[in-house]
Structures are given as C-alpha cells and as structure tokens.
Amino acid sequence: MLRNFLINLLCVIIKCYKLGLSSLYGPRCRFLPTCSDYAEEAVKIHGPLRGIALTMSRLIRCNVLAKQRVDPVPRKKT
C-alpha cells in the first residue's frame, strides 16, 4: 500500500517536471529513453528505493561529455 503510494507520488513529481521545467529548457538528455522517462520506468519496475538509486546513477552519467546512446532500465531479476 505504501509502496504503491510512493510509486504514484514519484510518477506525479516526474510528470510535473516534464510538463514544467523540462518543457522550458527543451531536450538536453544524451540518452534514450530520456532521463525523466528512465526515472518513471525505473520507479515503476523496481519500486521507489531501487528506482531512485538507478535514476541517480543515470543522472550522474548524463552530462555533456557522455556519448548519445540507448540506455534502457535494467529488467527486474526474478
């Protein structure tokens, strides 16, 4: 129950970022999917804690020195 609430809350925050700040500055992400899409997918697949950790790792790698490339969210291990 709390997990689902946190996932939904984080997704709303990410969507607000996409509609607000991201739309003002235009596309700047060096990866596909974009960092905000990656964050949303990571949280949905891996949950709030692991999703945030994956997103932070991705944001650290996303800079002007990085080459453009496809970097999908890792699939959940079963």
PDB file of N, CA and C in Angstrom:
ATOM      1  N   MET A   1       0.826  -1.183   0.000  1.00  0.00           N
ATOM      2  CA  MET A   1       0.000   0.000   0.000  1.00  0.00           C
ATOM      3  C   MET A   1       0.876   1.254   0.000  1.00  0.00           C
ATOM      4  N   LEU A   2       1.819   1.348   0.943  1.00  0.00           N
ATOM      5  CA  LEU A   2       2.726   2.492   0.999  1.00  0.00           C
ATOM      6  C   LEU A   2       3.619   2.523  -0.239  1.00  0.00           C
ATOM      7  N   ARG A   3       4.052   1.340  -0.675  1.00  0.00           N
ATOM      8  CA  ARG A   3       4.904   1.241  -1.868  1.00  0.00           C
ATOM      9  C   ARG A   3       4.190   1.831  -3.076  1.00  0.00           C
ATOM     10  N   ASN A   4       2.929   1.449  -3.276  1.00  0.00           N
ATOM     11  CA  ASN A   4       2.162   1.967  -4.414  1.00  0.00           C
ATOM     12  C   ASN A   4       1.958   3.475  -4.309  1.00  0.00           C
ATOM     13  N   PHE A   5       1.716   3.957  -3.094  1.00  0.00           N
ATOM     14  CA  PHE A   5       1.554   5.396  -2.892  1.00  0.00           C
ATOM     15  C   PHE A   5       2.832   6.137  -3.284  1.00  0.00           C
ATOM     16  N   LEU A   6       3.988   5.627  -2.841  1.00  0.00           N
ATOM     17  CA  LEU A   6       5.261   6.273  -3.162  1.00  0.00           C
ATOM     18  C   LEU A   6       5.556   6.230  -4.659  1.00  0.00           C
ATOM     19  N   ILE A   7       5.252   5.098  -5.292  1.00  0.00           N
ATOM     20  CA  ILE A   7       5.450   4.986  -6.740  1.00  0.00           C
ATOM     21  C   ILE A   7       4.599   6.024  -7.461  1.00  0.00           C
ATOM     22  N   ASN A   8       3.327   6.114  -7.088  1.00  0.00           N
ATOM     23  CA  ASN A   8       2.431   7.088  -7.730  1.00  0.00           C
ATOM     24  C   ASN A   8       2.875   8.521  -7.463  1.00  0.00           C
ATOM     25  N   LEU A   9       3.306   8.806  -6.239  1.00  0.00           N
ATOM     26  CA  LEU A   9       3.768  10.147  -5.894  1.00  0.00           C
ATOM     27  C   LEU A   9       4.999  10.530  -6.722  1.00  0.00           C
ATOM     28  N   LEU A  10       5.957   9.617  -6.817  1.00  0.00           N
ATOM     29  CA  LEU A  10       7.153   9.891  -7.611  1.00  0.00           C
ATOM     30  C   LEU A  10       6.812  10.090  -9.085  1.00  0.00           C
ATOM     31  N   CYS A  11       5.885   9.304  -9.605  1.00  0.00           N
ATOM     32  CA  CYS A  11       5.476   9.454 -11.007  1.00  0.00           C
ATOM     33  C   CYS A  11       4.809  10.806 -11.250  1.00  0.00           C
ATOM     34  N   VAL A  12       4.017  11.271 -10.296  1.00  0.00           N
ATOM     35  CA  VAL A  12       3.389  12.598 -10.419  1.00  0.00           C
ATOM     36  C   VAL A  12       4.465  13.686 -10.403  1.00  0.00           C
ATOM     37  N   ILE A  13       5.448  13.557  -9.529  1.00  0.00           N
ATOM     38  CA  ILE A  13       6.541  14.537  -9.462  1.00  0.00           C
ATOM     39  C   ILE A  13       7.310  14.563 -10.782  1.00  0.00           C
ATOM     40  N   ILE A  14       7.585  13.389 -11.338  1.00  0.00           N
ATOM     41  CA  ILE A  14       8.308  13.307 -12.613  1.00  0.00           C
ATOM     42  C   ILE A  14       7.484  13.937 -13.734  1.00  0.00           C
ATOM     43  N   LYS A  15       6.187  13.658 -13.760  1.00  0.00           N
ATOM     44  CA  LYS A  15       5.317  14.246 -14.793  1.00  0.00           C
ATOM     45  C   LYS A  15       5.263  15.769 -14.665  1.00  0.00           C
ATOM     46  N   CYS A  16       5.232  16.279 -13.440  1.00  0.00           N
ATOM     47  CA  CYS A  16       5.251  17.736 -13.225  1.00  0.00           C
ATOM     48  C   CYS A  16       6.563  18.325 -13.743  1.00  0.00           C
ATOM     49  N   TYR A  17       7.664  17.626 -13.498  1.00  0.00           N
ATOM     50  CA  TYR A  17       8.958  18.074 -14.021  1.00  0.00           C
ATOM     51  C   TYR A  17       8.928  18.123 -15.546  1.00  0.00           C
ATOM     52  N   LYS A  18       8.396  17.057 -16.157  1.00  0.00           N
ATOM     53  CA  LYS A  18       8.334  17.006 -17.624  1.00  0.00           C
ATOM     54  C   LYS A  18       7.512  18.161 -18.190  1.00  0.00           C
ATOM     55  N   LEU A  19       6.361  18.423 -17.580  1.00  0.00           N
ATOM     56  CA  LEU A  19       5.476  19.483 -18.071  1.00  0.00           C
ATOM     57  C   LEU A  19       6.000  20.874 -17.737  1.00  0.00           C
ATOM     58  N   GLY A  20       6.718  21.007 -16.640  1.00  0.00           N
ATOM     59  CA  GLY A  20       7.188  22.313 -16.187  1.00  0.00           C
ATOM     60  C   GLY A  20       8.586  22.635 -16.670  1.00  0.00           C
ATOM     61  N   LEU A  21       9.568  22.227 -15.897  1.00  0.00           N
ATOM     62  CA  LEU A  21      10.960  22.585 -16.177  1.00  0.00           C
ATOM     63  C   LEU A  21      11.480  22.034 -17.496  1.00  0.00           C
ATOM     64  N   SER A  22      11.233  20.780 -17.747  1.00  0.00           N
ATOM     65  CA  SER A  22      11.766  20.150 -18.950  1.00  0.00           C
ATOM     66  C   SER A  22      11.240  20.813 -20.219  1.00  0.00           C
ATOM     67  N   SER A  23       9.973  21.189 -20.225  1.00  0.00           N
ATOM     68  CA  SER A  23       9.402  21.812 -21.423  1.00  0.00           C
ATOM     69  C   SER A  23       9.961  23.221 -21.640  1.00  0.00           C
ATOM     70  N   LEU A  24      10.415  23.884 -20.583  1.00  0.00           N
ATOM     71  CA  LEU A  24      11.005  25.223 -20.717  1.00  0.00           C
ATOM     72  C   LEU A  24      12.395  25.183 -21.340  1.00  0.00           C
ATOM     73  N   TYR A  25      13.180  24.175 -20.977  1.00  0.00           N
ATOM     74  CA  TYR A  25      14.567  24.097 -21.420  1.00  0.00           C
ATOM     75  C   TYR A  25      14.775  23.251 -22.668  1.00  0.00           C
ATOM     76  N   GLY A  26      13.794  22.486 -23.048  1.00  0.00           N
ATOM     77  CA  GLY A  26      13.918  21.648 -24.233  1.00  0.00           C
ATOM     78  C   GLY A  26      14.722  20.392 -23.958  1.00  0.00           C
ATOM     79  N   PRO A  27      14.800  19.515 -24.956  1.00  0.00           N
ATOM     80  CA  PRO A  27      15.504  18.240 -24.767  1.00  0.00           C
ATOM     81  C   PRO A  27      17.017  18.442 -24.654  1.00  0.00           C
ATOM     82  N   ARG A  28      17.586  17.908 -23.605  1.00  0.00           N
ATOM     83  CA  ARG A  28      19.032  18.012 -23.392  1.00  0.00           C
ATOM     84  C   ARG A  28      19.658  16.670 -23.027  1.00  0.00           C
ATOM     85  N   CYS A  29      18.839  15.675 -22.841  1.00  0.00           N
ATOM     86  CA  CYS A  29      19.337  14.375 -22.395  1.00  0.00           C
ATOM     87  C   CYS A  29      20.146  13.714 -23.503  1.00  0.00           C
ATOM     88  N   ARG A  30      21.229  13.057 -23.122  1.00  0.00           N
ATOM     89  CA  ARG A  30      22.122  12.391 -24.070  1.00  0.00           C
ATOM     90  C   ARG A  30      21.718  10.933 -24.310  1.00  0.00           C
ATOM     91  N   PHE A  31      20.721  10.470 -23.586  1.00  0.00           N
ATOM     92  CA  PHE A  31      20.347   9.065 -23.655  1.00  0.00           C
ATOM     93  C   PHE A  31      18.925   8.882 -24.157  1.00  0.00           C
ATOM     94  N   LEU A  32      18.642   7.689 -24.612  1.00  0.00           N
ATOM     95  CA  LEU A  32      17.284   7.250 -24.913  1.00  0.00           C
ATOM     96  C   LEU A  32      17.021   6.036 -24.046  1.00  0.00           C
ATOM     97  N   PRO A  33      15.944   5.965 -23.321  1.00  0.00           N
ATOM     98  CA  PRO A  33      14.928   6.990 -23.122  1.00  0.00           C
ATOM     99  C   PRO A  33      15.514   8.179 -22.365  1.00  0.00           C
ATOM    100  N   THR A  34      14.811   9.313 -22.393  1.00  0.00           N
ATOM    101  CA  THR A  34      15.289  10.487 -21.666  1.00  0.00           C
ATOM    102  C   THR A  34      15.388  10.156 -20.182  1.00  0.00           C
ATOM    103  N   CYS A  35      16.122  10.960 -19.455  1.00  0.00           N
ATOM    104  CA  CYS A  35      16.322  10.691 -18.026  1.00  0.00           C
ATOM    105  C   CYS A  35      15.009  10.691 -17.249  1.00  0.00           C
ATOM    106  N   SER A  36      14.086  11.575 -17.615  1.00  0.00           N
ATOM    107  CA  SER A  36      12.804  11.598 -16.895  1.00  0.00           C
ATOM    108  C   SER A  36      11.965  10.365 -17.229  1.00  0.00           C
ATOM    109  N   ASP A  37      11.989   9.926 -18.488  1.00  0.00           N
ATOM    110  CA  ASP A  37      11.283   8.689 -18.847  1.00  0.00           C
ATOM    111  C   ASP A  37      11.931   7.492 -18.151  1.00  0.00           C
ATOM    112  N   TYR A  38      13.258   7.496 -18.103  1.00  0.00           N
ATOM    113  CA  TYR A  38      14.005   6.444 -17.420  1.00  0.00           C
ATOM    114  C   TYR A  38      13.610   6.388 -15.941  1.00  0.00           C
ATOM    115  N   ALA A  39      13.546   7.550 -15.300  1.00  0.00           N
ATOM    116  CA  ALA A  39      13.200   7.614 -13.876  1.00  0.00           C
ATOM    117  C   ALA A  39      11.818   7.035 -13.624  1.00  0.00           C
ATOM    118  N   GLU A  40      10.861   7.427 -14.453  1.00  0.00           N
ATOM    119  CA  GLU A  40       9.492   6.937 -14.279  1.00  0.00           C
ATOM    120  C   GLU A  40       9.428   5.419 -14.454  1.00  0.00           C
ATOM    121  N   GLU A  41      10.091   4.923 -15.478  1.00  0.00           N
ATOM    122  CA  GLU A  41      10.087   3.476 -15.729  1.00  0.00           C
ATOM    123  C   GLU A  41      10.823   2.723 -14.619  1.00  0.00           C
ATOM    124  N   ALA A  42      11.944   3.254 -14.152  1.00  0.00           N
ATOM    125  CA  ALA A  42      12.719   2.598 -13.091  1.00  0.00           C
ATOM    126  C   ALA A  42      11.909   2.483 -11.805  1.00  0.00           C
ATOM    127  N   VAL A  43      11.191   3.542 -11.461  1.00  0.00           N
ATOM    128  CA  VAL A  43      10.370   3.525 -10.247  1.00  0.00           C
ATOM    129  C   VAL A  43       9.234   2.516 -10.392  1.00  0.00           C
ATOM    130  N   LYS A  44       8.614   2.456 -11.563  1.00  0.00           N
ATOM    131  CA  LYS A  44       7.506   1.517 -11.775  1.00  0.00           C
ATOM    132  C   LYS A  44       7.984   0.067 -11.752  1.00  0.00           C
ATOM    133  N   ILE A  45       9.148  -0.203 -12.321  1.00  0.00           N
ATOM    134  CA  ILE A  45       9.648  -1.578 -12.399  1.00  0.00           C
ATOM    135  C   ILE A  45      10.277  -2.029 -11.083  1.00  0.00           C
ATOM    136  N   HIS A  46      11.128  -1.189 -10.496  1.00  0.00           N
ATOM    137  CA  HIS A  46      11.941  -1.600  -9.350  1.00  0.00           C
ATOM    138  C   HIS A  46      11.464  -1.069  -8.004  1.00  0.00           C
ATOM    139  N   GLY A  47      10.447  -0.208  -8.010  1.00  0.00           N
ATOM    140  CA  GLY A  47       9.972   0.364  -6.752  1.00  0.00           C
ATOM    141  C   GLY A  47      10.713   1.646  -6.422  1.00  0.00           C
ATOM    142  N   PRO A  48      10.267   2.326  -5.357  1.00  0.00           N
ATOM    143  CA  PRO A  48      10.807   3.651  -5.051  1.00  0.00           C
ATOM    144  C   PRO A  48      12.304   3.682  -4.723  1.00  0.00           C
ATOM    145  N   LEU A  49      12.785   2.816  -3.872  1.00  0.00           N
ATOM    146  CA  LEU A  49      14.184   2.896  -3.437  1.00  0.00           C
ATOM    147  C   LEU A  49      15.166   2.549  -4.549  1.00  0.00           C
ATOM    148  N   ARG A  50      15.002   1.388  -5.132  1.00  0.00           N
ATOM    149  CA  ARG A  50      15.905   0.981  -6.226  1.00  0.00           C
ATOM    150  C   ARG A  50      15.716   1.889  -7.434  1.00  0.00           C
ATOM    151  N   GLY A  51      14.480   2.300  -7.701  1.00  0.00           N
ATOM    152  CA  GLY A  51      14.205   3.197  -8.821  1.00  0.00           C
ATOM    153  C   GLY A  51      14.924   4.522  -8.676  1.00  0.00           C
ATOM    154  N   ILE A  52      14.913   5.084  -7.471  1.00  0.00           N
ATOM    155  CA  ILE A  52      15.627   6.341  -7.220  1.00  0.00           C
ATOM    156  C   ILE A  52      17.135   6.132  -7.356  1.00  0.00           C
ATOM    157  N   ALA A  53      17.645   5.014  -6.849  1.00  0.00           N
ATOM    158  CA  ALA A  53      19.080   4.727  -6.954  1.00  0.00           C
ATOM    159  C   ALA A  53      19.500   4.608  -8.420  1.00  0.00           C
ATOM    160  N   LEU A  54      18.719   3.894  -9.224  1.00  0.00           N
ATOM    161  CA  LEU A  54      19.022   3.771 -10.651  1.00  0.00           C
ATOM    162  C   LEU A  54      18.963   5.130 -11.344  1.00  0.00           C
ATOM    163  N   THR A  55      17.981   5.933 -10.975  1.00  0.00           N
ATOM    164  CA  THR A  55      17.831   7.260 -11.570  1.00  0.00           C
ATOM    165  C   THR A  55      19.016   8.152 -11.217  1.00  0.00           C
ATOM    166  N   MET A  56      19.448   8.131  -9.973  1.00  0.00           N
ATOM    167  CA  MET A  56      20.597   8.948  -9.567  1.00  0.00           C
ATOM    168  C   MET A  56      21.852   8.529 -10.329  1.00  0.00           C
ATOM    169  N   SER A  57      22.046   7.235 -10.489  1.00  0.00           N
ATOM    170  CA  SER A  57      23.182   6.731 -11.256  1.00  0.00           C
ATOM    171  C   SER A  57      23.117   7.231 -12.697  1.00  0.00           C
ATOM    172  N   ARG A  58      21.933   7.194 -13.265  1.00  0.00           N
ATOM    173  CA  ARG A  58      21.736   7.666 -14.642  1.00  0.00           C
ATOM    174  C   ARG A  58      22.018   9.160 -14.753  1.00  0.00           C
ATOM    175  N   LEU A  59      21.519   9.958 -13.811  1.00  0.00           N
ATOM    176  CA  LEU A  59      21.722  11.408 -13.851  1.00  0.00           C
ATOM    177  C   LEU A  59      23.201  11.774 -13.737  1.00  0.00           C
ATOM    178  N   ILE A  60      23.945  11.007 -12.970  1.00  0.00           N
ATOM    179  CA  ILE A  60      25.389  11.244 -12.851  1.00  0.00           C
ATOM    180  C   ILE A  60      26.079  10.987 -14.189  1.00  0.00           C
ATOM    181  N   ARG A  61      25.626   9.970 -14.918  1.00  0.00           N
ATOM    182  CA  ARG A  61      26.230   9.637 -16.213  1.00  0.00           C
ATOM    183  C   ARG A  61      25.799  10.573 -17.336  1.00  0.00           C
ATOM    184  N   CYS A  62      24.705  11.286 -17.162  1.00  0.00           N
ATOM    185  CA  CYS A  62      24.160  12.143 -18.217  1.00  0.00           C
ATOM    186  C   CYS A  62      24.791  13.533 -18.126  1.00  0.00           C
ATOM    187  N   ASN A  63      25.767  13.780 -18.971  1.00  0.00           N
ATOM    188  CA  ASN A  63      26.433  15.084 -18.998  1.00  0.00           C
ATOM    189  C   ASN A  63      26.917  15.371 -20.414  1.00  0.00           C
ATOM    190  N   VAL A  64      27.456  16.544 -20.623  1.00  0.00           N
ATOM    191  CA  VAL A  64      27.856  16.949 -21.976  1.00  0.00           C
ATOM    192  C   VAL A  64      28.995  16.107 -22.533  1.00  0.00           C
ATOM    193  N   LEU A  65      29.739  15.425 -21.691  1.00  0.00           N
ATOM    194  CA  LEU A  65      30.839  14.585 -22.158  1.00  0.00           C
ATOM    195  C   LEU A  65      30.383  13.185 -22.563  1.00  0.00           C
ATOM    196  N   ALA A  66      29.175  12.815 -22.184  1.00  0.00           N
ATOM    197  CA  ALA A  66      28.657  11.477 -22.490  1.00  0.00           C
ATOM    198  C   ALA A  66      28.264  11.387 -23.963  1.00  0.00           C
ATOM    199  N   LYS A  67      28.494  10.226 -24.548  1.00  0.00           N
ATOM    200  CA  LYS A  67      28.057   9.983 -25.921  1.00  0.00           C
ATOM    201  C   LYS A  67      26.570   9.676 -25.916  1.00  0.00           C
ATOM    202  N   GLN A  68      25.894  10.068 -26.988  1.00  0.00           N
ATOM    203  CA  GLN A  68      24.477   9.732 -27.099  1.00  0.00           C
ATOM    204  C   GLN A  68      24.358   8.234 -27.317  1.00  0.00           C
ATOM    205  N   ARG A  69      23.443   7.620 -26.570  1.00  0.00           N
ATOM    206  CA  ARG A  69      23.249   6.178 -26.724  1.00  0.00           C
ATOM    207  C   ARG A  69      21.941   5.750 -26.081  1.00  0.00           C
ATOM    208  N   VAL A  70      21.577   4.527 -26.381  1.00  0.00           N
ATOM    209  CA  VAL A  70      20.388   3.924 -25.779  1.00  0.00           C
ATOM    210  C   VAL A  70      20.821   3.284 -24.464  1.00  0.00           C
ATOM    211  N   ASP A  71      20.112   3.599 -23.397  1.00  0.00           N
ATOM    212  CA  ASP A  71      20.430   3.091 -22.061  1.00  0.00           C
ATOM    213  C   ASP A  71      19.125   2.739 -21.351  1.00  0.00           C
ATOM    214  N   PRO A  72      18.573   1.551 -21.632  1.00  0.00           N
ATOM    215  CA  PRO A  72      17.279   1.192 -21.037  1.00  0.00           C
ATOM    216  C   PRO A  72      17.392   0.861 -19.549  1.00  0.00           C
ATOM    217  N   VAL A  73      16.263   0.895 -18.887  1.00  0.00           N
ATOM    218  CA  VAL A  73      16.185   0.496 -17.476  1.00  0.00           C
ATOM    219  C   VAL A  73      16.449  -1.005 -17.404  1.00  0.00           C
ATOM    220  N   PRO A  74      17.343  -1.446 -16.501  1.00  0.00           N
ATOM    221  CA  PRO A  74      17.565  -2.890 -16.379  1.00  0.00           C
ATOM    222  C   PRO A  74      16.286  -3.597 -15.925  1.00  0.00           C
ATOM    223  N   ARG A  75      16.065  -4.760 -16.458  1.00  0.00           N
ATOM    224  CA  ARG A  75      14.882  -5.544 -16.089  1.00  0.00           C
ATOM    225  C   ARG A  75      15.057  -6.106 -14.695  1.00  0.00           C
ATOM    226  N   LYS A  76      13.946  -6.307 -14.031  1.00  0.00           N
ATOM    227  CA  LYS A  76      13.945  -6.847 -12.672  1.00  0.00           C
ATOM    228  C   LYS A  76      14.345  -8.316 -12.724  1.00  0.00           C
ATOM    229  N   LYS A  77      15.286  -8.682 -11.880  1.00  0.00           N
ATOM    230  CA  LYS A  77      15.724 -10.078 -11.821  1.00  0.00           C
ATOM    231  C   LYS A  77      14.698 -10.890 -11.061  1.00  0.00           C
ATOM    232  N   THR A  78      14.406 -12.074 -11.572  1.00  0.00           N
ATOM    233  CA  THR A  78      13.407 -12.931 -10.918  1.00  0.00           C
ATOM    234  C   THR A  78      14.057 -14.029 -10.135  1.00  0.00           C
TER     235      THR A  78
END
